[in-house]
């Protein structure tokens, strides 16, 4: 008989599953989960995802080639290339759109 458990038991234990099977760990209270810095980083991550979704297949092809060399996903390669130089210069409260300061490998910018 097999019993699966996942989730929290009070504030004591957490049951979870990963690729090796089930495990249990002691629950720890998350710290600093919603700081201003984290909000800015999460917003920037979202903007990079939005950039990727608006690119044409031709623009993405550059990242497919780079990803193949490193044996990673094309989006992950795009993120790896764009993140170090992704400077959010201005936030628009209406659109939430980040403005970039560079053009990136086959992508004409935002």
Protein backbone atom coordinates (compact mmCIF):
# COMPACT_ATOMS: atom_id res chain seq x y z
CA UNK A 1 0.00 0.00 0.00
CA UNK A 2 1.32 3.44 -0.93
CA UNK A 3 0.24 6.65 0.77
CA UNK A 4 1.10 10.04 -0.67
CA UNK A 5 1.26 13.16 1.44
CA UNK A 6 2.05 16.71 0.46
CA UNK A 7 1.64 20.07 2.08
CA UNK A 8 2.11 21.45 5.57
CA UNK A 9 1.24 19.79 8.84
CA UNK A 10 0.61 22.75 11.12
CA UNK A 11 3.78 24.78 11.40
CA UNK A 12 5.96 21.76 11.96
CA UNK A 13 6.47 19.63 8.84
CA UNK A 14 6.26 19.95 5.07
CA UNK A 15 5.68 16.92 2.83
CA UNK A 16 6.75 17.26 -0.80
CA UNK A 17 7.75 15.27 -3.87
CA UNK A 18 10.67 15.76 -6.21
CA UNK A 19 12.15 13.65 -9.00
CA UNK A 20 13.62 11.18 -6.51
CA UNK A 21 10.39 10.65 -4.58
CA UNK A 22 8.68 11.94 -1.51
CA UNK A 23 10.43 13.67 1.34
CA UNK A 24 9.60 15.53 4.53
CA UNK A 25 11.34 18.55 5.98
CA UNK A 26 10.93 20.84 8.94
CA UNK A 27 8.80 23.89 8.18
CA UNK A 28 10.70 27.17 8.32
CA UNK A 29 9.05 30.56 8.29
CA UNK A 30 9.84 32.40 5.03
CA UNK A 31 11.88 35.58 5.52
CA UNK A 32 11.78 38.77 3.48
CA UNK A 33 9.37 37.38 0.92
CA UNK A 34 8.04 40.65 -0.40
CA UNK A 35 10.67 43.36 -0.12
CA UNK A 36 10.80 46.28 -2.56
CA UNK A 37 13.96 44.85 -4.11
CA UNK A 38 12.30 41.49 -4.69
CA UNK A 39 9.27 43.20 -6.23
CA UNK A 40 11.54 45.05 -8.68
CA UNK A 41 13.39 41.86 -9.64
CA UNK A 42 10.14 39.93 -10.11
CA UNK A 43 8.80 42.75 -12.27
CA UNK A 44 11.98 42.72 -14.37
CA UNK A 45 11.68 38.91 -14.78
CA UNK A 46 8.15 39.45 -16.05
CA UNK A 47 9.32 42.10 -18.49
CA UNK A 48 11.96 39.75 -19.91
CA UNK A 49 9.29 37.09 -20.39
CA UNK A 50 7.09 39.65 -22.11
CA UNK A 51 9.96 40.61 -24.42
CA UNK A 52 10.46 36.96 -25.37
CA UNK A 53 6.76 36.49 -26.15
CA UNK A 54 6.72 39.53 -28.46
CA UNK A 55 9.76 38.45 -30.49
CA UNK A 56 9.35 36.96 -33.96
CA UNK A 57 10.62 33.45 -34.75
CA UNK A 58 13.45 35.05 -36.75
CA UNK A 59 14.55 37.10 -33.74
CA UNK A 60 14.36 34.03 -31.48
CA UNK A 61 16.50 31.98 -33.88
CA UNK A 62 19.66 33.71 -32.62
CA UNK A 63 18.89 32.45 -29.12
CA UNK A 64 18.06 28.95 -30.36
CA UNK A 65 21.56 28.71 -31.83
CA UNK A 66 23.22 29.95 -28.64
CA UNK A 67 21.11 27.66 -26.47
CA UNK A 68 22.04 24.65 -28.55
CA UNK A 69 25.74 25.27 -27.88
CA UNK A 70 25.13 25.36 -24.12
CA UNK A 71 22.46 22.63 -24.18
CA UNK A 72 19.88 24.82 -22.49
CA UNK A 73 16.40 26.07 -23.34
CA UNK A 74 16.32 29.02 -25.82
CA UNK A 75 14.40 31.20 -23.36
CA UNK A 76 16.95 30.43 -20.64
CA UNK A 77 19.73 31.45 -23.02
CA UNK A 78 17.85 34.67 -23.84
CA UNK A 79 17.51 35.35 -20.12
CA UNK A 80 21.21 34.59 -19.55
CA UNK A 81 22.20 37.06 -22.28
CA UNK A 82 19.78 39.85 -21.45
CA UNK A 83 19.74 39.79 -17.62
CA UNK A 84 23.22 41.21 -16.89
CA UNK A 85 22.50 44.31 -18.99
CA UNK A 86 18.78 44.60 -18.28
CA UNK A 87 18.53 48.01 -16.70
CA UNK A 88 15.08 49.19 -15.91
CA UNK A 89 15.31 52.88 -16.64
CA UNK A 90 11.71 53.83 -16.11
CA UNK A 91 8.49 52.21 -14.97
CA UNK A 92 5.23 53.26 -16.48
CA UNK A 93 2.40 52.96 -13.97
CA UNK A 94 -0.06 52.62 -16.84
CA UNK A 95 1.61 49.83 -18.80
CA UNK A 96 4.15 48.49 -16.31
CA UNK A 97 6.55 48.35 -19.26
CA UNK A 98 10.28 48.48 -18.71
CA UNK A 99 12.41 50.49 -21.11
CA UNK A 100 15.71 48.95 -22.15
CA UNK A 101 18.95 50.75 -22.81
CA UNK A 102 20.36 48.32 -25.41
CA UNK A 103 19.57 46.29 -28.48
CA UNK A 104 20.09 42.55 -28.06
CA UNK A 105 21.36 40.08 -30.65
CA UNK A 106 18.87 40.33 -33.44
CA UNK A 107 16.26 42.15 -31.41
CA UNK A 108 15.68 45.80 -32.16
CA UNK A 109 14.79 46.81 -28.63
CA UNK A 110 11.56 47.81 -27.00
